[in-house]
Protein backbone atom coordinates (compact mmCIF):
# COMPACT_ATOMS: atom_id res chain seq x y z
CA MET A 1 10.54 11.54 34.74
CA ALA A 2 12.05 13.35 37.72
CA LYS A 3 10.85 15.66 40.45
CA ALA A 4 10.01 19.08 39.04
CA LYS A 5 13.08 21.28 39.22
CA ASN A 6 11.61 24.21 37.28
CA ILE A 7 8.19 25.81 36.77
CA LEU A 8 6.88 27.17 33.47
CA PHE A 9 3.90 29.29 34.51
CA ILE A 10 1.92 30.24 31.40
CA MET A 11 -0.86 32.80 31.73
CA PHE A 12 -3.09 33.91 28.88
CA ASP A 13 -5.05 37.13 29.04
CA GLN A 14 -8.85 37.13 28.77
CA LEU A 15 -9.04 33.46 27.74
CA ARG A 16 -12.40 31.93 28.61
CA TRP A 17 -12.33 28.53 30.30
CA ASP A 18 -14.82 27.07 27.81
CA TYR A 19 -12.91 28.08 24.65
CA LEU A 20 -10.52 25.13 24.69
CA SER A 21 -11.40 21.72 23.30
CA CYS A 22 -10.29 19.97 26.51
CA TYR A 23 -12.93 22.05 28.31
CA GLY A 24 -15.61 21.12 25.83
CA HIS A 25 -15.63 23.65 22.99
CA PRO A 26 -17.15 21.72 20.07
CA HIS A 27 -15.44 23.57 17.22
CA LEU A 28 -12.20 25.11 18.52
CA ASP A 29 -9.57 22.37 18.46
CA THR A 30 -6.61 23.02 20.79
CA PRO A 31 -4.60 19.77 20.68
CA ASN A 32 -1.42 21.17 22.18
CA ILE A 33 -3.04 22.55 25.32
CA ASP A 34 -5.16 19.39 25.44
CA ARG A 35 -1.94 17.38 25.43
CA ILE A 36 -0.82 18.95 28.72
CA ALA A 37 -4.25 18.18 30.17
CA LYS A 38 -3.69 14.52 29.28
CA MET A 39 -0.29 14.65 30.99
CA GLY A 40 -1.53 16.36 34.15
CA VAL A 41 -4.62 17.49 36.03
CA ARG A 42 -7.33 19.70 34.56
CA PHE A 43 -9.21 21.71 37.17
CA THR A 44 -12.88 22.41 36.41
CA ASN A 45 -13.75 24.73 39.30
CA ALA A 46 -10.88 27.23 39.30
CA ARG A 47 -11.78 30.86 39.88
CA ILE A 48 -9.87 34.12 39.93
CA GLN A 49 -9.95 36.66 42.77
CA SER A 50 -11.04 39.68 40.71
CA PRO A 51 -12.51 39.96 37.19
CA LEU A 52 -9.95 42.54 36.05
CA CYS A 53 -6.36 42.12 34.86
CA GLY A 54 -4.44 44.05 37.51
CA PRO A 55 -6.09 42.94 40.75
CA SER A 56 -6.50 39.38 39.50
CA ARG A 57 -2.81 39.12 38.73
CA MET A 58 -1.75 40.80 41.96
CA SER A 59 -3.72 38.16 43.87
CA THR A 60 -2.12 35.37 41.84
CA TYR A 61 1.38 36.76 42.33
CA THR A 62 1.00 37.54 46.05
CA GLY A 63 -1.15 34.53 46.95
CA ARG A 64 -3.50 36.97 48.72
CA TYR A 65 -7.03 38.26 48.27
CA VAL A 66 -7.57 41.71 46.78
CA HIS A 67 -8.51 43.52 49.98
CA SER A 68 -5.42 42.00 51.60
CA HIS A 69 -2.95 43.38 49.05
CA GLY A 70 -5.04 46.48 48.18
CA ALA A 71 -4.23 46.81 44.46
CA ALA A 72 -7.91 46.77 43.52
CA TRP A 73 -7.80 48.33 40.04
CA ASN A 74 -5.54 48.46 37.01
CA GLY A 75 -2.78 50.93 37.73
CA TYR A 76 -3.17 50.81 41.51
CA PRO A 77 0.36 50.26 42.88
CA LEU A 78 1.12 47.07 44.75
CA ASN A 79 2.33 48.07 48.19
CA VAL A 80 6.11 47.92 48.39
CA GLY A 81 5.83 45.71 51.46
CA GLU A 82 3.79 42.95 49.78
CA MET A 83 5.74 39.76 49.19
CA THR A 84 5.15 37.95 45.91
CA MET A 85 5.75 34.44 44.65
CA GLY A 86 9.07 35.69 43.33
CA ASP A 87 10.19 36.68 46.82
CA HIS A 88 9.05 33.38 48.31
CA LEU A 89 10.68 31.28 45.60
CA ARG A 90 13.92 33.22 45.73
CA ASN A 91 14.10 32.47 49.46
CA MET A 92 14.03 28.79 48.49
CA GLY A 93 16.82 29.14 45.90
CA MET A 94 14.60 29.32 42.82
CA ASP A 95 14.86 32.21 40.36
CA ALA A 96 11.61 33.93 39.33
CA VAL A 97 11.67 35.46 35.87
CA LEU A 98 9.06 37.36 33.85
CA VAL A 99 8.56 37.08 30.11
CA GLY A 100 5.50 39.10 29.11
CA LYS A 101 2.72 40.85 31.01
CA THR A 102 2.05 41.49 34.70
CA HIS A 103 0.00 44.74 34.74
CA MET A 104 2.11 45.61 37.78
CA GLN A 105 2.28 49.24 38.89
CA ALA A 106 5.22 50.02 41.14
CA ASP A 107 4.70 51.75 44.48
CA ALA A 108 6.94 54.70 43.59
CA GLU A 109 6.10 56.64 46.76
CA GLY A 110 6.81 53.63 48.99
CA MET A 111 10.11 53.03 47.20
CA ARG A 112 11.09 56.69 47.61
CA ARG A 113 10.28 56.55 51.33
CA LEU A 114 12.48 53.48 51.76
CA GLY A 115 15.29 54.83 49.59
CA LEU A 116 14.93 52.12 46.91
CA GLU A 117 16.20 53.21 43.52
CA PRO A 118 14.16 51.74 40.64
CA ASP A 119 17.32 50.70 38.78
CA SER A 120 18.80 48.82 41.76
CA LEU A 121 18.42 45.05 41.99
CA ILE A 122 15.90 45.20 44.82
CA GLY A 123 14.18 48.25 43.34
CA ALA A 124 13.76 46.53 39.99
CA ARG A 125 12.27 43.44 41.62
CA VAL A 126 9.88 45.50 43.72
CA SER A 127 8.87 47.37 40.56
CA GLU A 128 8.26 44.14 38.64
CA CYS A 129 6.09 42.29 41.13
CA GLY A 130 9.00 40.31 42.53
CA PHE A 131 10.16 38.97 39.17
CA ASP A 132 13.44 39.52 37.38
CA ALA A 133 12.16 40.90 34.06
CA PHE A 134 13.75 39.06 31.14
CA GLU A 135 11.32 41.04 29.01
CA ARG A 136 8.21 42.77 30.23
CA ASP A 137 5.51 43.55 27.69
CA ASP A 138 2.02 44.39 28.89
CA GLY A 139 0.80 44.23 25.31
CA LEU A 140 -0.70 47.69 24.95
CA ALA A 141 0.69 50.71 23.14
CA PHE A 142 -2.30 52.99 22.88
CA GLU A 143 -2.57 56.60 21.79
CA GLY A 144 -5.15 59.19 22.72
CA LYS A 145 -5.87 62.61 24.07
CA ILE A 146 -6.46 63.42 27.72
CA LYS A 147 -7.32 67.02 28.64
CA GLY A 148 -6.37 68.11 25.16
CA GLY A 149 -2.82 66.78 25.21
CA PRO A 150 -1.59 63.96 22.98
CA PHE A 151 0.26 61.09 24.56
CA LEU A 152 1.58 57.65 23.73
CA GLU A 153 1.21 55.01 26.44
CA THR A 154 3.63 52.14 25.86
CA HIS A 155 2.82 49.87 28.81
CA SER A 156 6.23 48.27 28.36
CA ALA A 157 5.73 47.38 24.68
CA ASP A 158 8.81 49.37 23.76
CA LYS A 159 11.03 46.33 23.18
CA TYR A 160 8.44 44.72 20.94
CA ASN A 161 8.05 47.95 19.00
CA ALA A 162 11.83 48.12 18.63
CA TYR A 163 11.81 44.54 17.35
CA LEU A 164 9.14 45.44 14.78
CA ARG A 165 11.06 48.48 13.58
CA GLY A 166 14.13 46.30 13.21
CA LYS A 167 12.09 44.00 10.98
CA GLY A 168 11.07 46.91 8.76
CA TYR A 169 7.71 47.83 10.25
CA GLU A 170 8.04 51.61 10.21
CA GLY A 171 6.35 54.29 12.26
CA GLU A 172 6.05 55.60 15.79
CA ASN A 173 3.78 52.79 16.91
CA PRO A 174 4.10 49.61 14.82
CA TRP A 175 2.34 47.69 17.63
CA HIS A 176 -0.82 49.46 16.51
CA ASP A 177 -0.24 49.98 12.79
CA TYR A 178 0.85 46.42 12.02
CA ALA A 179 0.39 43.92 14.86
CA ASN A 180 -3.06 45.19 15.82
CA SER A 181 -4.52 46.66 12.64
CA GLY A 182 -5.45 45.62 9.14
CA LEU A 183 -4.82 47.42 5.85
CA ASP A 184 -7.20 48.36 3.05
CA ASP A 185 -6.43 48.37 -0.67
CA ALA A 186 -5.50 52.05 -0.54
CA GLY A 187 -2.94 51.50 2.21
CA ASN A 188 -5.07 52.92 5.01
CA VAL A 189 -4.66 51.42 8.48
CA LEU A 190 -7.79 49.62 9.70
CA SER A 191 -7.38 49.97 13.42
CA GLY A 192 -8.01 46.90 15.55
CA TRP A 193 -9.53 49.16 18.17
CA PHE A 194 -12.68 49.23 16.03
CA LEU A 195 -14.56 45.96 16.38
CA LYS A 196 -15.78 46.07 12.79
CA ASN A 197 -12.19 45.40 11.69
CA SER A 198 -11.88 42.18 13.73
CA THR A 199 -12.26 39.99 10.64
CA GLU A 200 -9.39 41.73 8.85
CA PRO A 201 -6.01 39.99 8.79
CA ALA A 202 -3.51 41.88 10.92
CA ASN A 203 -1.03 43.69 8.70
CA ILE A 204 1.96 41.68 9.91
CA ALA A 205 3.77 38.46 9.12
CA GLU A 206 2.38 35.82 11.45
CA GLU A 207 5.77 34.98 12.93
CA ASP A 208 6.23 38.64 13.92
CA SER A 209 2.91 38.96 15.75
CA GLU A 210 2.76 39.11 19.52
CA THR A 211 2.10 35.49 20.45
CA PRO A 212 4.93 33.91 18.40
CA TYR A 213 7.30 36.70 19.38
CA MET A 214 6.76 36.34 23.11
CA THR A 215 6.78 32.55 22.93
CA ARG A 216 10.22 32.76 21.32
CA ARG A 217 11.34 35.10 24.07
CA GLY A 218 10.28 32.48 26.60
CA ILE A 219 12.38 29.92 24.79
CA ASP A 220 15.28 32.40 24.73
CA PHE A 221 15.14 32.63 28.51
CA ILE A 222 15.05 28.86 29.02
CA GLU A 223 17.99 28.38 26.66
CA GLN A 224 20.24 30.65 28.72
CA ALA A 225 18.85 29.79 32.16
CA GLY A 226 21.59 27.35 33.12
CA ASP A 227 21.31 24.80 35.92
CA ARG A 228 19.74 26.99 38.65
CA PRO A 229 16.10 26.14 39.35
CA TRP A 230 13.75 28.70 37.83
CA CYS A 231 10.14 29.74 37.62
CA CYS A 232 9.48 31.38 34.26
CA HIS A 233 6.25 33.33 34.09
CA LEU A 234 5.44 33.35 30.37
CA SER A 235 2.51 35.75 30.26
CA LEU A 236 0.93 36.22 26.82
CA ILE A 237 -1.35 39.17 26.07
CA LYS A 238 -3.75 37.39 23.72
CA PRO A 239 -6.63 36.70 23.16
CA HIS A 240 -7.14 40.06 24.92
CA TRP A 241 -8.31 42.94 22.75
CA PRO A 242 -7.62 44.46 20.28
CA TYR A 243 -9.40 41.51 18.65
CA ILE A 244 -7.42 41.02 15.47
CA VAL A 245 -5.15 38.22 14.29
CA PRO A 246 -2.85 37.70 11.28
CA ALA A 247 -3.48 35.30 8.42
CA PRO A 248 -4.11 32.39 8.24
CA TYR A 249 -5.96 32.62 11.55
CA HIS A 250 -8.20 35.56 10.64
CA ASP A 251 -10.76 33.52 8.71
CA MET A 252 -10.50 30.02 10.16
CA TYR A 253 -13.78 30.38 12.03
CA GLY A 254 -17.25 31.52 11.03
CA PRO A 255 -20.87 31.39 12.25
CA GLU A 256 -20.97 27.60 11.97
CA HIS A 257 -18.27 27.44 14.67
CA PHE A 258 -19.80 29.88 17.15
CA ILE A 259 -21.50 28.82 20.37
CA ALA A 260 -24.84 30.52 20.97
CA PRO A 261 -24.69 33.32 23.55
CA VAL A 262 -25.64 32.43 27.11
CA ARG A 263 -28.36 34.91 27.92
CA ALA A 264 -32.06 35.28 28.60
CA GLU A 265 -34.45 38.09 27.77
CA ALA A 266 -35.45 38.33 31.43
CA GLU A 267 -31.90 39.36 32.33
CA LYS A 268 -32.34 42.65 30.48
CA ASP A 269 -35.35 43.47 32.64
CA THR A 270 -33.44 43.34 35.92
CA ASP A 271 -34.36 45.84 38.58
CA HIS A 272 -30.85 45.73 40.04
CA PRO A 273 -29.23 49.14 39.41
CA VAL A 274 -25.65 47.90 39.25
CA VAL A 275 -26.38 44.93 37.00
CA ARG A 276 -28.60 47.05 34.77
CA GLY A 277 -25.79 49.60 34.51
CA MET A 278 -23.43 46.93 33.22
CA ILE A 279 -25.93 45.70 30.65
CA GLU A 280 -26.64 49.26 29.49
CA ALA A 281 -22.99 50.27 29.37
CA PRO A 282 -21.67 50.94 25.85
CA VAL A 283 -19.60 47.75 25.81
CA GLY A 284 -22.63 45.72 26.91
CA LYS A 285 -24.88 47.22 24.27
CA SER A 286 -22.23 46.65 21.63
CA PHE A 287 -21.54 42.98 22.37
CA SER A 288 -25.25 42.25 22.75
CA GLN A 289 -25.63 42.79 19.01
CA ASP A 290 -25.16 39.51 17.17
CA HIS A 291 -23.21 41.00 14.27
CA VAL A 292 -20.71 42.56 16.69
CA ARG A 293 -20.36 39.39 18.72
CA GLU A 294 -19.85 37.19 15.65
CA THR A 295 -17.32 39.58 14.12
CA VAL A 296 -15.28 39.57 17.32
CA LEU A 297 -15.54 35.79 17.75
CA THR A 298 -13.92 35.32 14.36
CA ALA A 299 -10.75 36.94 15.68
CA TYR A 300 -11.07 35.69 19.27
CA MET A 301 -11.16 32.07 18.18
CA GLY A 302 -8.37 32.64 15.67
CA LEU A 303 -6.19 34.15 18.41
CA ILE A 304 -6.77 31.09 20.59
CA LYS A 305 -5.88 28.76 17.72
CA GLN A 306 -2.66 30.71 17.17
CA ILE A 307 -1.90 30.41 20.88
CA ASP A 308 -2.35 26.65 20.76
CA ASP A 309 -0.09 26.32 17.73
CA GLN A 310 2.61 28.29 19.52
CA MET A 311 2.27 26.06 22.55
CA GLY A 312 3.08 23.19 20.18
CA VAL A 313 6.30 25.01 19.25
CA LEU A 314 7.10 25.48 22.93
CA TRP A 315 6.44 21.83 23.83
CA ALA A 316 8.69 20.67 20.99
CA TYR A 317 11.50 22.83 22.36
CA LEU A 318 10.99 21.52 25.89
CA GLU A 319 11.23 17.94 24.64
CA GLU A 320 14.32 18.57 22.51
CA SER A 321 16.08 20.34 25.39
CA GLY A 322 15.09 17.77 28.00
CA ARG A 323 13.19 20.38 30.01
CA MET A 324 9.87 18.54 29.65
CA GLU A 325 11.21 15.95 32.10
CA ASP A 326 12.03 18.32 34.96
CA THR A 327 9.66 21.25 34.48
CA MET A 328 6.19 21.69 35.93
CA ILE A 329 3.87 23.33 33.37
CA VAL A 330 0.98 25.46 34.59
CA ILE A 331 -1.57 26.90 32.16
CA ASN A 332 -4.21 29.42 33.21
CA SER A 333 -5.85 32.78 32.44
CA ASP A 334 -6.29 35.97 34.42
CA HIS A 335 -10.07 36.14 33.69
CA GLY A 336 -12.61 35.39 30.99
CA ASP A 337 -14.55 37.49 28.46
CA TYR A 338 -18.32 37.95 28.27
CA ILE A 339 -18.46 38.43 24.47
CA GLY A 340 -22.20 39.11 24.69
CA ASP A 341 -23.12 36.48 27.28
CA HIS A 342 -25.67 37.86 29.78
CA TRP A 343 -25.92 40.95 27.51
CA MET A 344 -22.48 42.10 28.64
CA GLY A 345 -19.02 42.72 27.23
CA GLU A 346 -15.58 42.74 28.83
CA LYS A 347 -15.28 40.83 32.11
CA MET A 348 -16.16 42.95 35.14
CA PHE A 349 -18.86 40.88 36.83
CA PHE A 350 -19.12 37.50 38.51
CA HIS A 351 -20.75 35.06 36.11
CA ASP A 352 -18.52 32.02 35.55
CA THR A 353 -18.11 33.35 32.01
CA SER A 354 -15.77 35.87 33.60
CA VAL A 355 -14.44 34.49 36.89
CA LYS A 356 -13.97 30.82 36.04
CA VAL A 357 -10.71 30.13 34.22
CA PRO A 358 -8.85 27.18 32.75
CA LEU A 359 -6.22 25.68 35.03
CA ILE A 360 -4.08 22.78 33.86
CA ILE A 361 -1.03 21.54 35.77
CA TYR A 362 1.50 18.98 34.58
CA ASP A 363 3.92 17.70 37.22
CA PRO A 364 6.74 15.49 35.83
CA SER A 365 7.27 13.88 39.22
CA PRO A 366 6.56 10.11 39.46
CA ASP A 367 4.41 11.06 42.46
CA ALA A 368 1.94 12.56 39.97
CA ASP A 369 1.67 9.45 37.76
CA ALA A 370 -1.60 8.36 39.35
CA THR A 371 -3.40 11.59 38.41
CA ARG A 372 -2.27 12.01 34.80
CA GLY A 373 -5.13 12.81 32.47
CA THR A 374 -7.61 13.36 35.28
CA THR A 375 -9.98 16.19 36.10
CA CYS A 376 -10.61 17.73 39.50
CA ASP A 377 -13.76 19.65 40.48
CA ALA A 378 -12.36 20.96 43.78
CA LEU A 379 -12.92 24.64 44.56
CA VAL A 380 -9.60 26.17 43.53
CA GLU A 381 -8.51 29.79 43.59
CA MET A 382 -5.58 31.41 41.82
CA ILE A 383 -4.07 32.29 45.19
CA ASP A 384 -3.34 28.55 45.44
CA LEU A 385 -0.55 28.76 42.87
CA ALA A 386 1.95 30.60 45.10
CA PRO A 387 1.94 27.95 47.88
CA THR A 388 1.99 25.20 45.23
CA PHE A 389 5.10 26.70 43.64
CA TYR A 390 6.67 27.18 47.08
CA GLU A 391 6.41 23.45 47.70
CA VAL A 392 7.82 22.63 44.26
CA ALA A 393 10.82 24.79 45.21
CA GLY A 394 11.34 22.57 48.25
CA GLY A 395 9.51 24.55 50.90
CA ASP A 396 6.74 23.74 53.32
CA ALA A 397 3.74 25.97 52.53
CA THR A 398 2.72 25.99 56.20
CA ASP A 399 5.86 28.02 56.91
CA VAL A 400 4.34 30.95 55.00
CA ASP A 401 0.64 30.41 55.67
CA HIS A 402 0.55 33.64 57.66
CA ILE A 403 1.21 35.46 54.38
CA LEU A 404 -0.19 33.21 51.66
CA GLU A 405 -3.96 32.85 51.85
CA GLY A 406 -4.26 29.97 49.39
CA GLU A 407 -3.33 26.34 49.81
CA SER A 408 -0.94 24.06 47.96
CA LEU A 409 -2.40 21.88 45.20
CA ILE A 410 0.42 19.33 45.48
CA PRO A 411 -1.77 16.86 47.44
CA ILE A 412 -4.29 16.87 44.58
CA LEU A 413 -1.59 16.58 41.92
CA HIS A 414 -0.03 13.63 43.75
CA GLY A 415 -3.34 11.89 44.43
CA THR A 416 -3.27 12.14 48.22
CA ALA A 417 -6.31 14.46 48.22
CA LYS A 418 -9.27 15.00 45.94
CA ARG A 419 -10.35 18.42 47.10
CA THR A 420 -9.09 21.57 48.74
CA LYS A 421 -9.90 22.42 52.33
CA ARG A 422 -12.28 25.20 51.29
CA ASP A 423 -16.02 24.90 50.78
CA VAL A 424 -16.37 28.44 49.44
CA SER A 425 -14.51 30.54 46.91
CA PHE A 426 -14.37 34.34 46.83
CA CYS A 427 -13.92 37.07 44.28
CA GLU A 428 -13.94 40.87 44.60
CA TYR A 429 -14.48 43.82 42.29
CA ASP A 430 -13.96 47.48 43.11
CA PHE A 431 -15.63 49.59 40.41
CA GLY A 432 -15.21 52.94 42.14
CA HIS A 433 -12.78 53.92 39.37
CA THR A 434 -15.33 53.44 36.58
CA PRO A 435 -17.70 55.71 34.64
CA GLN A 436 -20.55 53.56 35.95
CA ALA A 437 -19.79 54.57 39.53
CA GLU A 438 -19.62 58.20 38.40
CA HIS A 439 -22.93 57.90 36.54
CA MET A 440 -24.60 56.31 39.58
CA GLY A 441 -23.15 58.93 41.92
CA LEU A 442 -21.51 56.28 44.13
CA ALA A 443 -18.70 57.04 46.52
CA PRO A 444 -15.67 54.79 45.97
CA ASP A 445 -16.35 52.90 49.21
CA ASP A 446 -19.89 52.16 47.99
CA SER A 447 -18.66 50.86 44.64
CA ARG A 448 -17.46 47.45 45.75
CA MET A 449 -18.89 43.99 45.35
CA PHE A 450 -18.00 40.55 46.61
CA MET A 451 -18.77 37.09 45.25
CA VAL A 452 -19.06 34.10 47.54
CA ALA A 453 -19.67 30.74 45.85
CA THR A 454 -20.05 27.14 46.89
CA LYS A 455 -20.62 24.34 44.40
CA GLU A 456 -24.36 24.85 44.84
CA TRP A 457 -24.86 28.60 45.20
CA LYS A 458 -23.31 31.91 44.23
CA LEU A 459 -24.13 35.10 46.09
CA ILE A 460 -22.99 38.58 45.09
CA HIS A 461 -22.98 41.27 47.78
CA PHE A 462 -22.93 44.95 46.85
CA GLU A 463 -21.86 47.79 49.07
CA GLY A 464 -23.93 50.95 48.71
CA GLY A 465 -27.17 49.46 50.02
CA PHE A 466 -28.12 47.35 47.00
CA ARG A 467 -29.79 43.97 47.35
CA PRO A 468 -27.75 40.82 46.70
CA VAL A 469 -27.81 38.65 43.59
CA LEU A 470 -28.16 34.89 44.03
CA PHE A 471 -27.71 32.06 41.51
CA ASP A 472 -28.63 28.40 41.96
CA LEU A 473 -25.63 26.71 40.34
CA ARG A 474 -27.11 23.21 40.48
CA ASN A 475 -30.42 23.97 38.77
CA ASP A 476 -29.32 27.06 36.83
CA PRO A 477 -25.68 26.42 35.83
CA ASN A 478 -25.81 29.17 33.20
CA GLU A 479 -26.70 31.73 35.90
CA LEU A 480 -29.70 33.17 34.10
CA VAL A 481 -32.16 33.55 37.01
CA ASP A 482 -31.41 36.01 39.79
CA LEU A 483 -32.96 34.79 43.06
CA GLY A 484 -31.59 37.62 45.15
CA LYS A 485 -34.99 39.01 46.10
CA SER A 486 -36.80 35.67 46.38
CA PRO A 487 -38.38 35.24 49.84
CA ASP A 488 -38.18 31.48 49.34
CA HIS A 489 -34.39 31.74 49.36
CA ALA A 490 -33.95 33.93 52.42
CA ASP A 491 -32.34 31.11 54.39
CA THR A 492 -29.87 30.38 51.60
CA ILE A 493 -28.98 34.07 51.33
CA ALA A 494 -28.41 34.24 55.09
CA GLU A 495 -26.19 31.15 54.93
CA MET A 496 -24.11 32.62 52.12
CA TYR A 497 -23.73 35.85 54.08
CA GLU A 498 -22.42 33.82 57.00
CA HIS A 499 -19.69 32.49 54.68
CA LEU A 500 -18.89 36.04 53.60
CA HIS A 501 -18.78 37.38 57.14
CA HIS A 502 -16.55 34.54 58.33
CA TRP A 503 -14.15 35.20 55.45
CA ALA A 504 -14.13 38.96 56.04
CA LEU A 505 -13.15 38.40 59.69
CA ARG A 506 -10.22 36.12 58.88
CA ASN A 507 -6.72 37.11 59.97
CA SER A 508 -5.10 38.46 56.82
CA GLN A 509 -2.78 41.18 58.12
CA ARG A 510 -0.58 39.29 60.62
CA VAL A 511 2.12 38.77 58.03
CA THR A 512 5.30 39.05 60.15
CA VAL A 513 4.84 36.16 62.57
CA PRO A 514 4.36 32.62 61.15
CA THR A 515 1.61 30.44 62.57
CA LYS A 516 4.15 27.77 63.52
CA GLN A 517 6.07 30.32 65.56
CA ILE A 518 2.94 31.32 67.45
CA LEU A 519 2.16 27.71 68.28
CA SER A 520 5.72 27.11 69.46
CA ARG A 521 5.89 30.26 71.56
CA ARG A 522 2.66 29.67 73.43
CA LYS A 523 3.84 26.24 74.56
CA ASN A 524 6.80 27.87 76.28
CA MET A 525 5.13 30.77 78.04
CA GLY A 526 4.91 29.14 81.50
CA PRO A 527 7.04 29.89 84.58
CA GLY A 528 10.12 28.45 82.92
CA SER A 529 10.11 31.40 80.50
CA GLY A 530 11.20 33.69 83.34
CA ILE A 531 8.03 35.81 83.21
CA MET A 532 5.50 35.10 85.95
CA ILE A 533 2.26 36.97 86.15
CA GLY A 534 -0.07 36.46 89.12
CA VAL A 535 2.14 33.86 90.88
CA TRP A 536 1.87 34.12 94.68
CA ALA A 537 4.80 31.93 95.75
CA PRO A 538 7.37 29.45 94.34
CA GLU A 539 5.35 26.49 95.54
CA ASP A 540 2.50 27.54 93.22
CA VAL A 541 4.44 26.61 90.07
CA PRO A 542 5.89 23.27 88.86
CA PRO A 543 8.89 22.12 90.92
CA GLY A 544 12.21 23.27 89.55
CA SER A 545 10.75 25.76 87.11
CA VAL A 546 11.74 28.82 89.17
CA ASP A 547 14.83 27.63 91.03
CA HIS A 548 16.78 30.38 89.36
CA TYR A 549 14.69 32.92 91.27
CA VAL A 550 14.90 31.35 94.76
CA ASN A 551 17.73 30.58 97.21
CA ARG A 552 19.83 33.28 95.62
CA THR A 553 22.32 35.36 97.60
CA ALA A 554 23.64 38.76 96.86
CA GLN A 555 25.90 41.11 98.78
CA ASP A 556 24.79 44.62 99.34
CA LYS A 557 26.61 46.51 96.63
CA ARG A 558 24.13 49.29 96.24
CA PRO A 559 25.66 52.66 95.46
CA ALA A 560 26.16 54.83 98.46
CA THR A 561 23.60 57.57 98.81
């Protein structure tokens, strides 16, 4: 083994932390992902910074919290001035390449103001979240009608659709008609958008479906990468909806393999308007029905099994090519999926079902030998990946700690630390863009919530004047009992609010002057700097420090008046 030269950063979309066998799922066997856990460190307390694709990913890529970078919802542009891990790594001589999804929306107005053309090298990088896009595919090609007009939204799936057409899958949108739909005996498309079709086999050869295709594209990049150090962000869309998977994965799992939903009847009786709105939302009502949940789980688990099998293909390539010996492998997810837990669907709240994610890191360096096959329960956030990668590229993360808000995990990987420096982790969700905010009549500024969690407690603060939610993580690890209005827990609530207030007052916008530079400058701001404020006479300062200002002679060469 050698020091990591490259980084293979694999992100799955909407993969729950507890749906891998190395994280304890009793029926879903994922030996290939488990293998990397045995070779590295598996983190058991890793949380995202927002329970939604776009803002979660923007935090991971920038190494900054959501209200630092501002891209708080899917489709909100990332400010053209925000640096990303690609920018930081490129400064250290490491290429940063995208294969798959980012959910990045370019700041077109900011680029126009700065005169950056989208097809220029810098413009393309700014448009792609700092990555050089080997192939971007956000994994959605949906059709619909808005204000009466038909449209087709590709979300960068155009290359995949072109690939499918080249393989003989005909039509305007083969992503939908084949990769994400079934087929009945009469030849009618059974759209994967409808949950009742989740047990159908996708109407596509397995090797042409999205996960194998994009895994091959990742291998294609590595094959042509050459000797320059690289970070390849292989970002796979599944097991994100549409929930449908090709044979043989479509019927591998049934009711005997499903974990019972994590929920309590009392949760449905909540008096909290925002929480009740999520439970009563159409997606919550749908996934709270057992037949819906079990139909979806059939495909969801099959998609994860397909992912694991493709990871086996990828590991085999890395071994054959020698890249396993000099490449750090990072496996994570952008958020989880409720699938009926807590009477909810989707992911947009703060139970660990949604905000806790798998994180597995294999470092080939001999320095990491002592931690192979271990677990770590430190409080970790996805903003920690950017400074970790920066150090792998040869940098010192403290050089950029005025920009990156996370901390490097290298000390944990190398066994010189067992925990991070933080005692609290944070997550944010801005739902001002949603129908729920419209239904509740909330202004966008009143449609925000913040999670603050220690290992013992989790508090959720809501703007708009709503009471907080509080969970006792030690005695109620499934987060079923809301203690937010309990008078017996007033002191705990106040303590958690202190954590939130301290975090909110942190310095997150001084991004042009490094901390090290500030410390160096202030040591040299005495008389010797040439600027003296409030000094009465030379004898009032250290001897010799102002000799250049005393005993000077000058002839009168003033201009004649």
